[in-house]
């Protein structure tokens, strides 16, 4: 009987595994491995298809736990570097648990400032321990600041220094569970990860797999830094002058996918007429559904001037070249416009769309770019400033924020709050961050300066005020952007993306006015709608200036003094 029971249990185990594998294959799933995630990091085509398996995007962070429910007391609490889950002892050492998950998943991003409680004079910080699948020994155990800045076991660009912070994008998959701890009291931190559905087969990360995958990582790194798409494509293009009220138009009538969009011009035109960056609008429709309606400058992180930067999906050159490499599939037709809605003409040397074959299926999605125009917010008004509210099914893959700041001080205390599907009804976001600059991959610690400008594949601090070399300050235009790949956020019925309008403590008076605008990049199945519709009247208005904000502030001060 004993031998029979063992044999029967083995057979049942094998049968159970077979059923899981069969179900996964029936769903079209393949095994999730460290190398499959590495390849996905640089695969634009996968972003254009709803993920399979359809993971949940999760986030653990040190947000202030006084924030418990939307709009209740404590909702805008600062001091977001104090939160953690609990303290416990592991291997005889006291540790602070900052993330834990039961089930299969993968860590996709880790961020933190590279300074500790003592500020920029305290650069040692805690050790991080990453435990997977219930093992008592961590698969990663080393100094956290070295790890996230590329000075530890994870090489650049998978872990990289930005401005007073580090970002690690190396995927760390796990089959059963994951727990992350620090050996010292946690400071500011954000950890993004995927939660896969039951039945997903995941190969757990090991340091050995990291070493074996260095050639793959090298290939992925080259792809992440490439400006152009190298695969064979067809193209449609146009050139010429776009007069007021006129447009350049490109059409494709077949099943295909746009691989690269390029716009080339003489940048001197924008120096003479910076208003063209707002009044010339990039418009695109796929299969008869308008999906892109965004000022050219805002789409390319250049609302105020031509700002050179380079990410995985957008590149801007000082020589007047704007390139977008987001994949944009369509079933039967695509139409692109450059529409001039202003009073000044623009000469375009090249307006080109390169496209290739695409097999449209039940996972294919349309690409969208949605713009929210400028809004002035007083420094004493704390609010959740909405980037977008989407109803439908899709994936958020990036965004860009432009802030005009009339003060040298800090403008971005606000936390991101991203509600996925049922989160809005629960009045608490699935992603609750620790500060605007943290969301965009860098950190405070001192006022920003020109040396804080950086470009990485997934992050760019495009513009930092009008500070000059040797003088710090955030007065002027501040522009940040984020590209999402492994940390993209799928949603099945609704996504609401808010960012707190919350400036630094030195500019929280009624006359301290910040000007916000934003673009969100997303994919969705046909029929999805958002609250960001075309705003033709807004693009004809001149971009607000510091002088105009100062004038408004003076009037507010005068009114305050009369009371």
Protein backbone atom coordinates (compact mmCIF):
# COMPACT_ATOMS: atom_id res chain seq x y z
CA UNK A 1 0.00 0.00 0.00
CA UNK A 2 2.80 2.42 0.86
CA UNK A 3 4.49 1.99 -2.52
CA UNK A 4 1.16 2.30 -4.28
CA UNK A 5 0.44 5.61 -2.46
CA UNK A 6 3.78 7.05 -3.41
CA UNK A 7 3.29 5.97 -7.01
CA UNK A 8 -0.23 7.36 -7.05
CA UNK A 9 0.92 10.70 -5.60
CA UNK A 10 3.65 10.95 -8.21
CA UNK A 11 1.16 10.24 -10.97
CA UNK A 12 -1.22 12.88 -9.59
CA UNK A 13 1.61 15.42 -9.40
CA UNK A 14 2.65 14.71 -12.97
CA UNK A 15 -0.99 14.93 -14.10
CA UNK A 16 -1.39 18.26 -12.27
CA UNK A 17 1.72 19.69 -13.92
CA UNK A 18 0.52 18.40 -17.30
CA UNK A 19 -2.85 20.14 -16.82
CA UNK A 20 -1.16 23.44 -15.94
CA UNK A 21 1.14 23.20 -18.97
CA UNK A 22 -1.77 22.21 -21.23
CA UNK A 23 -3.87 25.14 -20.00
CA UNK A 24 -0.96 27.50 -20.51
CA UNK A 25 -0.41 26.25 -24.05
CA UNK A 26 -4.12 26.45 -24.80
CA UNK A 27 -4.07 30.09 -23.70
CA UNK A 28 -1.05 30.72 -25.90
CA UNK A 29 1.23 31.29 -22.92
CA UNK A 30 4.87 30.40 -22.99
CA UNK A 31 7.11 29.99 -19.98
CA UNK A 32 8.23 33.25 -18.39
CA UNK A 33 11.98 33.23 -17.94
CA UNK A 34 14.69 35.71 -17.15
CA UNK A 35 15.76 35.74 -20.80
CA UNK A 36 12.20 36.04 -22.13
CA UNK A 37 11.74 39.13 -19.95
CA UNK A 38 15.07 40.53 -21.14
CA UNK A 39 13.93 40.21 -24.76
CA UNK A 40 10.59 41.80 -23.87
CA UNK A 41 12.38 44.88 -22.50
CA UNK A 42 13.33 45.91 -26.04
CA UNK A 43 10.38 44.45 -27.97
CA UNK A 44 8.13 47.29 -29.12
CA UNK A 45 5.80 44.82 -30.87
CA UNK A 46 4.89 43.17 -27.58
CA UNK A 47 3.81 46.51 -26.16
CA UNK A 48 1.28 46.82 -29.01
CA UNK A 49 -0.40 43.55 -28.00
CA UNK A 50 -2.36 43.00 -24.82
CA UNK A 51 -0.04 40.97 -22.58
CA UNK A 52 -0.35 37.23 -22.41
CA UNK A 53 -0.37 36.04 -19.70
CA UNK A 54 -2.34 39.12 -18.63
CA UNK A 55 -0.33 40.15 -15.58
CA UNK A 56 -1.34 42.76 -13.01
CA UNK A 57 1.00 45.71 -12.59
CA UNK A 58 1.74 46.18 -8.89
CA UNK A 59 3.74 48.69 -6.86
CA UNK A 60 5.21 48.77 -3.37
CA UNK A 61 6.51 52.10 -2.09
CA UNK A 62 7.32 54.08 1.03
CA UNK A 63 4.32 56.43 0.67
CA UNK A 64 3.09 57.93 3.94
CA UNK A 65 0.61 55.49 5.51
CA UNK A 66 -1.43 58.43 6.83
CA UNK A 67 -2.96 58.44 3.34
CA UNK A 68 -5.75 55.89 3.71
CA UNK A 69 -8.68 56.86 1.50
CA UNK A 70 -9.16 59.35 -1.31
CA UNK A 71 -9.86 62.93 -0.17
CA UNK A 72 -9.95 61.99 3.52
CA UNK A 73 -7.61 63.46 6.16
CA UNK A 74 -3.99 62.64 5.41
CA UNK A 75 -4.58 62.17 1.67
CA UNK A 76 -1.84 64.67 0.76
CA UNK A 77 0.56 63.74 3.58
CA UNK A 78 4.22 64.43 2.85
CA UNK A 79 7.21 62.56 4.36
CA UNK A 80 6.79 59.67 1.93
CA UNK A 81 10.05 57.99 2.91
CA UNK A 82 8.75 56.37 6.08
CA UNK A 83 6.42 53.59 4.92
CA UNK A 84 7.12 49.87 5.12
CA UNK A 85 5.15 46.66 5.74
CA UNK A 86 6.66 45.29 8.98
CA UNK A 87 9.83 44.36 10.83
CA UNK A 88 10.95 40.75 11.24
CA UNK A 89 14.03 38.62 11.91
CA UNK A 90 15.68 36.60 9.15
CA UNK A 91 18.84 34.56 9.70
CA UNK A 92 19.25 36.23 13.09
CA UNK A 93 19.10 39.75 11.61
CA UNK A 94 16.39 42.36 12.02
CA UNK A 95 15.00 43.35 8.62
CA UNK A 96 12.33 45.71 7.33
CA UNK A 97 9.93 44.15 4.80
CA UNK A 98 9.17 46.59 1.97
CA UNK A 99 7.54 44.28 -0.61
CA UNK A 100 5.98 40.83 -0.55
CA UNK A 101 3.82 38.87 -2.95
CA UNK A 102 2.31 35.39 -2.95
CA UNK A 103 2.15 33.79 -6.38
CA UNK A 104 4.19 33.92 -9.55
CA UNK A 105 5.55 37.29 -10.68
CA UNK A 106 8.54 39.38 -11.63
CA UNK A 107 10.17 42.50 -10.23
CA UNK A 108 10.37 45.01 -13.09
CA UNK A 109 11.79 48.21 -11.57
CA UNK A 110 13.42 49.39 -8.35
CA UNK A 111 14.06 53.06 -7.58
CA UNK A 112 15.55 54.95 -4.64
CA UNK A 113 17.64 58.04 -3.96
CA UNK A 114 21.26 57.06 -3.39
CA UNK A 115 21.42 58.99 -0.13
CA UNK A 116 20.08 58.02 3.27
CA UNK A 117 18.54 59.90 6.22
CA UNK A 118 21.59 62.15 6.58
CA UNK A 119 21.08 63.54 3.07
CA UNK A 120 23.88 63.89 0.54
CA UNK A 121 26.45 63.45 3.30
CA UNK A 122 25.02 59.98 4.09
CA UNK A 123 25.58 57.73 1.06
CA UNK A 124 25.91 54.29 2.65
CA UNK A 125 22.28 53.25 3.10
CA UNK A 126 20.86 49.76 3.69
CA UNK A 127 21.54 46.36 2.20
CA UNK A 128 18.71 44.86 0.17
CA UNK A 129 17.72 41.20 0.43
CA UNK A 130 15.50 39.63 -2.23
CA UNK A 131 14.00 36.30 -1.17
CA UNK A 132 12.16 34.16 -3.72
CA UNK A 133 10.05 31.00 -3.53
CA UNK A 134 10.29 30.73 0.24
CA UNK A 135 14.05 30.22 0.31
CA UNK A 136 15.78 31.32 3.50
CA UNK A 137 18.77 32.66 1.56
CA UNK A 138 18.27 35.68 -0.72
CA UNK A 139 19.10 35.54 -4.43
CA UNK A 140 20.38 39.12 -4.14
CA UNK A 141 21.97 40.54 -0.99
CA UNK A 142 24.08 43.67 -1.32
CA UNK A 143 24.15 47.41 -0.75
CA UNK A 144 20.97 48.85 -2.23
CA UNK A 145 22.50 52.11 -3.48
CA UNK A 146 25.27 50.27 -5.34
CA UNK A 147 22.75 47.84 -6.81
CA UNK A 148 20.43 50.47 -8.29
CA UNK A 149 23.20 52.75 -9.61
CA UNK A 150 25.01 50.05 -11.59
CA UNK A 151 27.92 49.75 -9.16
CA UNK A 152 26.87 46.36 -7.79
CA UNK A 153 26.01 43.01 -9.36
CA UNK A 154 23.67 44.48 -12.01
CA UNK A 155 25.49 46.35 -14.80
CA UNK A 156 24.36 49.46 -16.70
CA UNK A 157 22.04 50.16 -18.43
CA UNK A 158 19.94 47.68 -16.43
CA UNK A 159 20.87 49.61 -13.29
CA UNK A 160 21.93 53.20 -13.69
CA UNK A 161 22.53 56.46 -11.87
CA UNK A 162 20.27 59.40 -12.76
CA UNK A 163 20.25 62.56 -10.62
CA UNK A 164 20.83 61.74 -6.94
CA UNK A 165 19.05 58.41 -7.52
CA UNK A 166 19.32 55.04 -9.21
CA UNK A 167 16.93 52.93 -11.26
CA UNK A 168 17.17 49.17 -11.71
CA UNK A 169 15.16 47.68 -14.58
CA UNK A 170 16.63 44.18 -14.51
CA UNK A 171 13.72 41.68 -14.38
CA UNK A 172 13.74 39.28 -11.44
CA UNK A 173 11.13 36.55 -12.03
CA UNK A 174 9.88 34.21 -9.30
CA UNK A 175 7.66 31.10 -9.46
CA UNK A 176 5.94 31.05 -6.06
CA UNK A 177 6.50 34.20 -4.02
CA UNK A 178 8.83 37.09 -3.35
CA UNK A 179 9.83 39.18 -0.34
CA UNK A 180 12.17 42.17 -0.31
CA UNK A 181 13.74 43.51 2.88
CA UNK A 182 16.25 46.13 4.00
CA UNK A 183 18.63 45.59 6.92
CA UNK A 184 18.16 49.20 8.02
CA UNK A 185 15.13 51.43 8.43
CA UNK A 186 13.69 52.06 4.94
CA UNK A 187 14.03 55.43 3.28
CA UNK A 188 12.33 56.53 0.04
CA UNK A 189 11.80 53.58 -2.30
CA UNK A 190 9.55 52.33 -5.11
CA UNK A 191 9.36 48.74 -6.37
CA UNK A 192 7.29 47.81 -9.42
CA UNK A 193 6.43 44.20 -10.14
CA UNK A 194 4.14 41.92 -12.12
CA UNK A 195 1.67 39.45 -10.63
CA UNK A 196 0.95 36.61 -13.04
CA UNK A 197 -2.31 34.65 -12.98
CA UNK A 198 -2.44 31.17 -11.40
CA UNK A 199 -1.09 28.53 -13.73
CA UNK A 200 1.60 30.74 -15.25
CA UNK A 201 4.88 28.85 -15.45
CA UNK A 202 7.75 31.08 -14.32
CA UNK A 203 11.42 30.15 -14.14
CA UNK A 204 12.87 31.69 -10.99
CA UNK A 205 15.81 34.08 -11.19
CA UNK A 206 19.25 33.00 -9.96
CA UNK A 207 22.61 34.81 -10.05
CA UNK A 208 23.83 32.05 -12.37
CA UNK A 209 21.14 32.90 -14.92
CA UNK A 210 22.32 36.50 -14.78
CA UNK A 211 25.89 35.51 -15.60
CA UNK A 212 24.80 33.16 -18.38
CA UNK A 213 22.66 35.89 -19.97
CA UNK A 214 25.31 38.58 -20.41
CA UNK A 215 25.39 38.18 -24.24
CA UNK A 216 21.61 38.58 -24.35
CA UNK A 217 21.83 41.62 -22.10
CA UNK A 218 24.41 43.16 -24.42
CA UNK A 219 22.07 42.68 -27.39
CA UNK A 220 19.13 44.14 -25.48
CA UNK A 221 21.24 47.13 -24.43
CA UNK A 222 22.10 47.90 -28.06
CA UNK A 223 18.42 47.72 -29.02
CA UNK A 224 17.41 50.01 -26.16
CA UNK A 225 19.91 52.67 -27.28
CA UNK A 226 19.22 52.47 -31.03
CA UNK A 227 17.71 55.60 -32.58
CA UNK A 228 16.39 54.01 -35.77
CA UNK A 229 14.45 50.87 -36.60
CA UNK A 230 16.78 48.67 -38.64
CA UNK A 231 14.35 46.08 -40.04
CA UNK A 232 13.15 46.34 -43.63
CA UNK A 233 10.14 48.59 -44.07
CA UNK A 234 8.11 50.47 -46.66
CA UNK A 235 7.58 54.22 -46.34
CA UNK A 236 5.29 57.10 -47.19
CA UNK A 237 6.60 60.64 -46.92
CA UNK A 238 5.95 64.26 -47.69
CA UNK A 239 7.72 67.59 -47.43
CA UNK A 240 6.94 71.24 -47.93
CA UNK A 241 5.58 74.31 -46.24
CA UNK A 242 2.59 74.02 -43.94
CA UNK A 243 0.83 77.35 -44.07
CA UNK A 244 -1.69 78.55 -41.49
CA UNK A 245 -4.73 76.26 -41.57
CA UNK A 246 -2.95 73.75 -43.83
CA UNK A 247 -1.63 70.21 -43.29
CA UNK A 248 0.74 67.57 -44.59
CA UNK A 249 -0.98 64.20 -44.85
CA UNK A 250 0.24 60.60 -45.15
CA UNK A 251 -2.00 57.57 -45.81
CA UNK A 252 -1.49 53.81 -45.63
CA UNK A 253 -4.30 51.51 -46.79
CA UNK A 254 -3.54 47.92 -45.80
CA UNK A 255 -2.99 45.80 -42.72
CA UNK A 256 0.36 46.94 -41.34
CA UNK A 257 2.14 48.58 -38.43
CA UNK A 258 4.03 51.84 -38.22
CA UNK A 259 7.57 51.21 -37.03
CA UNK A 260 9.05 54.71 -37.23
CA UNK A 261 7.77 58.27 -37.52
CA UNK A 262 10.30 60.96 -38.44
CA UNK A 263 9.91 64.73 -38.77
CA UNK A 264 12.84 66.87 -39.95
CA UNK A 265 13.00 70.67 -40.02
CA UNK A 266 15.35 73.61 -39.66
CA UNK A 267 15.42 74.26 -35.88
CA UNK A 268 16.02 77.97 -36.43
CA UNK A 269 12.32 78.25 -37.28
CA UNK A 270 11.39 77.28 -33.74
CA UNK A 271 13.93 79.66 -32.23
CA UNK A 272 12.28 82.49 -34.16
CA UNK A 273 8.72 81.21 -33.63
CA UNK A 274 8.56 78.91 -30.59
CA UNK A 275 4.76 79.10 -30.74
CA UNK A 276 4.93 76.65 -33.67
CA UNK A 277 5.77 73.86 -31.22
CA UNK A 278 2.28 74.25 -29.78
CA UNK A 279 0.27 75.33 -32.83
CA UNK A 280 1.50 72.54 -35.15
CA UNK A 281 -0.40 69.41 -34.11
CA UNK A 282 0.42 65.75 -34.75
CA UNK A 283 -2.78 63.87 -35.56
CA UNK A 284 -3.23 60.20 -36.46
CA UNK A 285 -6.16 57.85 -36.95
CA UNK A 286 -6.08 54.07 -37.22
CA UNK A 287 -8.91 52.16 -38.90
CA UNK A 288 -10.97 55.36 -38.92
CA UNK A 289 -10.56 56.00 -35.17
CA UNK A 290 -8.65 59.14 -34.18
CA UNK A 291 -5.98 58.07 -31.69
CA UNK A 292 -3.31 60.81 -31.61
CA UNK A 293 -4.04 64.51 -31.16
CA UNK A 294 -1.08 66.23 -29.54
CA UNK A 295 0.92 69.40 -30.19
CA UNK A 296 4.15 68.44 -31.91
CA UNK A 297 6.31 69.99 -29.20
CA UNK A 298 4.49 68.30 -26.32
CA UNK A 299 4.63 64.89 -28.03
CA UNK A 300 8.41 65.27 -28.26
CA UNK A 301 9.12 66.84 -24.85
CA UNK A 302 9.64 70.26 -26.40
CA UNK A 303 6.69 72.47 -25.51
CA UNK A 304 8.90 75.52 -24.91
CA UNK A 305 11.86 74.89 -27.27
CA UNK A 306 13.51 72.08 -29.20
CA UNK A 307 14.92 70.03 -26.31
CA UNK A 308 17.37 67.29 -27.34
CA UNK A 309 16.87 63.97 -25.55
CA UNK A 310 16.82 60.26 -26.32
CA UNK A 311 14.71 57.42 -24.95
CA UNK A 312 13.73 53.98 -26.21
CA UNK A 313 10.76 55.40 -28.14
CA UNK A 314 11.46 59.08 -28.87
CA UNK A 315 14.56 60.99 -29.92
CA UNK A 316 14.96 64.74 -30.49
CA UNK A 317 18.09 66.16 -32.08
CA UNK A 318 19.39 69.71 -31.80
CA UNK A 319 19.70 69.58 -35.60
CA UNK A 320 15.92 69.49 -35.98
CA UNK A 321 15.04 65.81 -36.08
CA UNK A 322 12.17 64.21 -34.17
CA UNK A 323 11.86 60.41 -34.26
CA UNK A 324 9.22 58.16 -32.70
CA UNK A 325 9.60 54.37 -32.69
CA UNK A 326 6.50 53.23 -30.81
CA UNK A 327 4.84 50.38 -32.72
CA UNK A 328 1.47 51.45 -34.17
CA UNK A 329 -0.51 48.56 -35.75
CA UNK A 330 -3.79 48.85 -37.68
CA UNK A 331 -6.17 46.48 -39.41
CA UNK A 332 -6.90 48.34 -42.66
CA UNK A 333 -5.81 51.99 -42.70
CA UNK A 334 -3.72 54.69 -41.06
CA UNK A 335 -3.67 58.42 -41.65
CA UNK A 336 -1.16 60.91 -40.23
CA UNK A 337 -1.37 64.72 -40.34
CA UNK A 338 0.83 67.59 -39.38
CA UNK A 339 -1.76 70.34 -39.01
CA UNK A 340 -0.81 73.99 -38.61
CA UNK A 341 -3.44 75.64 -36.46
CA UNK A 342 -1.45 78.84 -35.89
CA UNK A 343 -0.67 81.99 -37.83
CA UNK A 344 2.93 81.22 -38.85
CA UNK A 345 4.02 78.81 -41.57
CA UNK A 346 6.43 75.92 -40.97
CA UNK A 347 8.81 74.39 -43.55
CA UNK A 348 9.12 70.62 -43.12
CA UNK A 349 12.10 68.92 -44.76
CA UNK A 350 10.82 65.41 -44.08
CA UNK A 351 7.55 63.97 -42.76
CA UNK A 352 7.95 60.20 -43.05
CA UNK A 353 6.22 57.09 -41.76
CA UNK A 354 7.94 53.72 -42.11
CA UNK A 355 5.75 50.63 -41.77
CA UNK A 356 5.97 46.87 -42.00
CA UNK A 357 3.81 43.76 -42.01
CA UNK A 358 1.51 43.00 -39.09
CA UNK A 359 -0.82 40.10 -38.43
CA UNK A 360 -3.82 41.67 -36.74
CA UNK A 361 -5.29 39.38 -34.06
CA UNK A 362 -7.42 39.50 -30.92
CA UNK A 363 -4.53 40.95 -28.90
CA UNK A 364 -3.65 43.81 -31.29
CA UNK A 365 -4.22 47.35 -30.03
CA UNK A 366 -4.15 50.87 -31.41
CA UNK A 367 -1.57 53.38 -30.16
CA UNK A 368 -2.82 56.62 -28.56
CA UNK A 369 -1.24 59.89 -27.48
CA UNK A 370 -3.46 62.21 -25.43
CA UNK A 371 -2.69 65.77 -24.37
CA UNK A 372 -3.96 67.76 -21.42
CA UNK A 373 -3.41 71.47 -21.95
CA UNK A 374 -2.08 74.02 -19.49
CA UNK A 375 -3.66 74.66 -16.12
CA UNK A 376 -2.51 77.18 -13.53
CA UNK A 377 -2.54 75.84 -9.95
CA UNK A 378 -1.93 77.98 -6.87
CA UNK A 379 0.70 76.76 -4.43
CA UNK A 380 -1.72 76.54 -1.50
CA UNK A 381 -4.16 74.32 -3.43
CA UNK A 382 -3.41 70.62 -3.04
CA UNK A 383 -5.24 68.56 -5.64
CA UNK A 384 -4.93 65.37 -7.61
CA UNK A 385 -4.13 66.71 -11.07
CA UNK A 386 -5.53 64.28 -13.62
CA UNK A 387 -3.37 63.18 -16.56
CA UNK A 388 -6.05 60.95 -18.04
CA UNK A 389 -9.13 58.83 -17.36
CA UNK A 390 -9.53 55.95 -19.84
CA UNK A 391 -12.49 53.61 -20.18
CA UNK A 392 -11.87 50.44 -22.14
CA UNK A 393 -9.15 47.80 -22.25
CA UNK A 394 -5.51 48.57 -22.89
CA UNK A 395 -2.05 49.33 -21.52
CA UNK A 396 -0.37 52.55 -20.35
CA UNK A 397 3.16 52.75 -21.83
CA UNK A 398 4.46 56.25 -20.98
CA UNK A 399 3.85 59.90 -20.27
CA UNK A 400 5.46 63.32 -20.16
CA UNK A 401 4.91 66.23 -17.77
CA UNK A 402 5.70 69.89 -18.43
CA UNK A 403 5.75 72.32 -15.49
CA UNK A 404 6.44 76.05 -15.68
CA UNK A 405 7.79 77.10 -12.28
CA UNK A 406 8.11 80.83 -11.38
CA UNK A 407 10.39 80.10 -8.41
CA UNK A 408 13.93 78.74 -8.04
CA UNK A 409 12.62 76.29 -5.45
CA UNK A 410 11.25 72.78 -5.70
CA UNK A 411 8.00 72.19 -7.60
CA UNK A 412 7.34 68.43 -7.44
CA UNK A 413 6.40 67.01 -4.03
CA UNK A 414 3.30 65.39 -5.54
CA UNK A 415 2.83 61.60 -5.59
CA UNK A 416 1.47 59.65 -8.55
CA UNK A 417 -1.82 57.85 -7.87
CA UNK A 418 -2.80 55.35 -10.56
CA UNK A 419 -6.15 53.58 -10.27
CA UNK A 420 -6.48 50.33 -12.22
CA UNK A 421 -9.92 48.82 -12.93
CA UNK A 422 -11.74 48.57 -9.56
CA UNK A 423 -9.29 50.76 -7.63
CA UNK A 424 -11.31 53.92 -8.30
CA UNK A 425 -14.40 52.43 -6.66
CA UNK A 426 -12.28 51.45 -3.65
CA UNK A 427 -10.98 55.05 -3.42
CA UNK A 428 -7.36 53.95 -3.24
CA UNK A 429 -4.85 53.63 -6.08
CA UNK A 430 -2.99 50.48 -7.00
CA UNK A 431 0.12 52.62 -7.52
CA UNK A 432 0.78 55.24 -4.82
CA UNK A 433 4.14 56.96 -5.23
CA UNK A 434 6.48 59.13 -3.22
CA UNK A 435 7.03 62.28 -5.30
CA UNK A 436 6.99 63.56 -8.87
CA UNK A 437 10.74 63.40 -9.41
CA UNK A 438 10.76 59.90 -7.89
CA UNK A 439 8.16 58.75 -10.42
CA UNK A 440 10.43 60.03 -13.20
CA UNK A 441 13.45 58.21 -11.80
CA UNK A 442 15.53 60.86 -10.05
CA UNK A 443 15.52 62.50 -6.61
CA UNK A 444 15.55 65.73 -4.63
CA UNK A 445 18.01 66.40 -1.85
CA UNK A 446 18.81 69.82 -3.30
CA UNK A 447 17.30 72.16 -5.84
CA UNK A 448 17.66 70.82 -9.39
CA UNK A 449 20.25 72.23 -11.74
CA UNK A 450 21.31 71.91 -15.37
CA UNK A 451 23.54 68.96 -14.50
CA UNK A 452 20.40 67.03 -13.55
CA UNK A 453 19.37 66.76 -17.20
CA UNK A 454 19.73 63.14 -18.37
CA UNK A 455 18.43 60.68 -20.98
CA UNK A 456 18.13 56.93 -20.44
CA UNK A 457 16.10 54.39 -22.44
CA UNK A 458 13.10 54.52 -20.10
CA UNK A 459 13.60 57.87 -18.36
CA UNK A 460 14.58 61.39 -19.28
CA UNK A 461 14.80 64.61 -17.32
CA UNK A 462 14.51 66.69 -20.48
CA UNK A 463 14.64 70.25 -19.15
CA UNK A 464 15.42 71.79 -15.76
CA UNK A 465 14.36 75.41 -15.60
CA UNK A 466 16.60 78.22 -16.75
CA UNK A 467 19.41 77.59 -14.28
CA UNK A 468 22.89 78.05 -15.69
CA UNK A 469 26.07 76.10 -15.04
CA UNK A 470 27.14 76.61 -11.46
CA UNK A 471 23.76 78.01 -10.35
CA UNK A 472 21.04 75.66 -9.19
CA UNK A 473 17.35 76.43 -9.53
CA UNK A 474 14.15 75.16 -11.10
CA UNK A 475 12.73 78.48 -12.29
CA UNK A 476 11.38 78.07 -15.80
CA UNK A 477 10.24 75.01 -17.77
CA UNK A 478 10.79 71.59 -16.21
CA UNK A 479 10.02 68.59 -18.43
CA UNK A 480 10.18 64.92 -17.45
CA UNK A 481 9.19 61.78 -19.34
CA UNK A 482 8.86 58.09 -18.61
CA UNK A 483 8.67 55.10 -20.97
CA UNK A 484 7.18 51.84 -19.70
CA UNK A 485 8.08 48.37 -20.98
CA UNK A 486 8.15 45.58 -18.38
CA UNK A 487 6.47 48.03 -16.00
CA UNK A 488 3.66 48.88 -18.45
CA UNK A 489 0.24 48.96 -16.77
CA UNK A 490 -2.55 46.82 -18.28
CA UNK A 491 -6.18 47.62 -17.49
CA UNK A 492 -9.37 45.80 -18.48
CA UNK A 493 -12.07 48.44 -17.99
CA UNK A 494 -10.71 51.70 -16.57
CA UNK A 495 -7.50 53.52 -15.72
CA UNK A 496 -7.24 56.87 -13.90
CA UNK A 497 -3.82 58.53 -13.67
CA UNK A 498 -3.47 61.40 -11.19
CA UNK A 499 -0.42 63.28 -9.94
CA UNK A 500 -0.62 65.46 -6.84
CA UNK A 501 -0.23 69.16 -7.57
CA UNK A 502 1.95 69.74 -4.53
CA UNK A 503 4.95 72.12 -4.64
CA UNK A 504 7.81 72.34 -2.16
CA UNK A 505 7.23 73.98 1.19
CA UNK A 506 8.85 77.26 0.12
CA UNK A 507 6.23 77.90 -2.62
CA UNK A 508 2.92 77.08 -0.96
CA UNK A 509 1.35 80.53 -1.00
CA UNK A 510 -1.68 81.52 -3.11
CA UNK A 511 0.56 83.65 -5.34
CA UNK A 512 3.01 80.77 -6.02
CA UNK A 513 1.52 79.58 -9.29
CA UNK A 514 2.62 76.49 -11.20
CA UNK A 515 1.55 75.74 -14.76
CA UNK A 516 1.00 72.07 -15.68
CA UNK A 517 0.45 70.21 -18.96
CA UNK A 518 0.91 66.53 -19.83
CA UNK A 519 0.86 63.85 -22.53
CA UNK A 520 -0.04 60.18 -21.96
CA UNK A 521 0.98 57.38 -24.33
CA UNK A 522 -1.20 54.28 -24.30
CA UNK A 523 -2.52 51.34 -26.28
CA UNK A 524 -6.12 50.15 -26.32
CA UNK A 525 -8.55 47.97 -28.17
CA UNK A 526 -10.84 49.79 -30.64
CA UNK A 527 -13.66 51.60 -28.87
CA UNK A 528 -11.71 52.78 -25.80
CA UNK A 529 -12.36 56.42 -24.86
CA UNK A 530 -10.64 58.96 -22.62
CA UNK A 531 -11.41 62.37 -21.13
CA UNK A 532 -8.62 63.92 -23.23
CA UNK A 533 -10.22 65.09 -26.46
CA UNK A 534 -8.79 67.45 -29.13
CA UNK A 535 -8.48 71.04 -27.91
CA UNK A 536 -8.03 73.19 -31.04
CA UNK A 537 -8.70 76.45 -29.19
CA UNK A 538 -5.90 75.73 -26.70
CA UNK A 539 -3.15 75.22 -29.29
CA UNK A 540 -3.75 78.66 -30.79
CA UNK A 541 -3.00 80.35 -27.47
CA UNK A 542 0.59 81.50 -26.85
CA UNK A 543 2.47 79.43 -24.30
CA UNK A 544 2.26 81.17 -20.95
CA UNK A 545 5.42 82.95 -19.83
CA UNK A 546 7.08 83.62 -16.49
CA UNK A 547 6.28 87.30 -16.91
CA UNK A 548 2.57 86.51 -17.22
CA UNK A 549 2.65 84.27 -14.16
CA UNK A 550 4.44 87.00 -12.19
CA UNK A 551 1.72 89.46 -13.22
CA UNK A 552 -1.00 87.09 -11.99
CA UNK A 553 0.91 86.50 -8.76
CA UNK A 554 1.25 90.25 -8.14
CA UNK A 555 -2.52 90.68 -8.42
CA UNK A 556 -3.15 87.81 -6.00
CA UNK A 557 -0.72 89.30 -3.50
CA UNK A 558 -2.40 92.69 -3.80
CA UNK A 559 -5.81 91.13 -3.15
CA UNK A 560 -4.44 89.25 -0.15
CA UNK A 561 -3.03 92.48 1.32
CA UNK A 562 -6.40 94.24 1.01
CA UNK A 563 -8.09 91.65 3.21
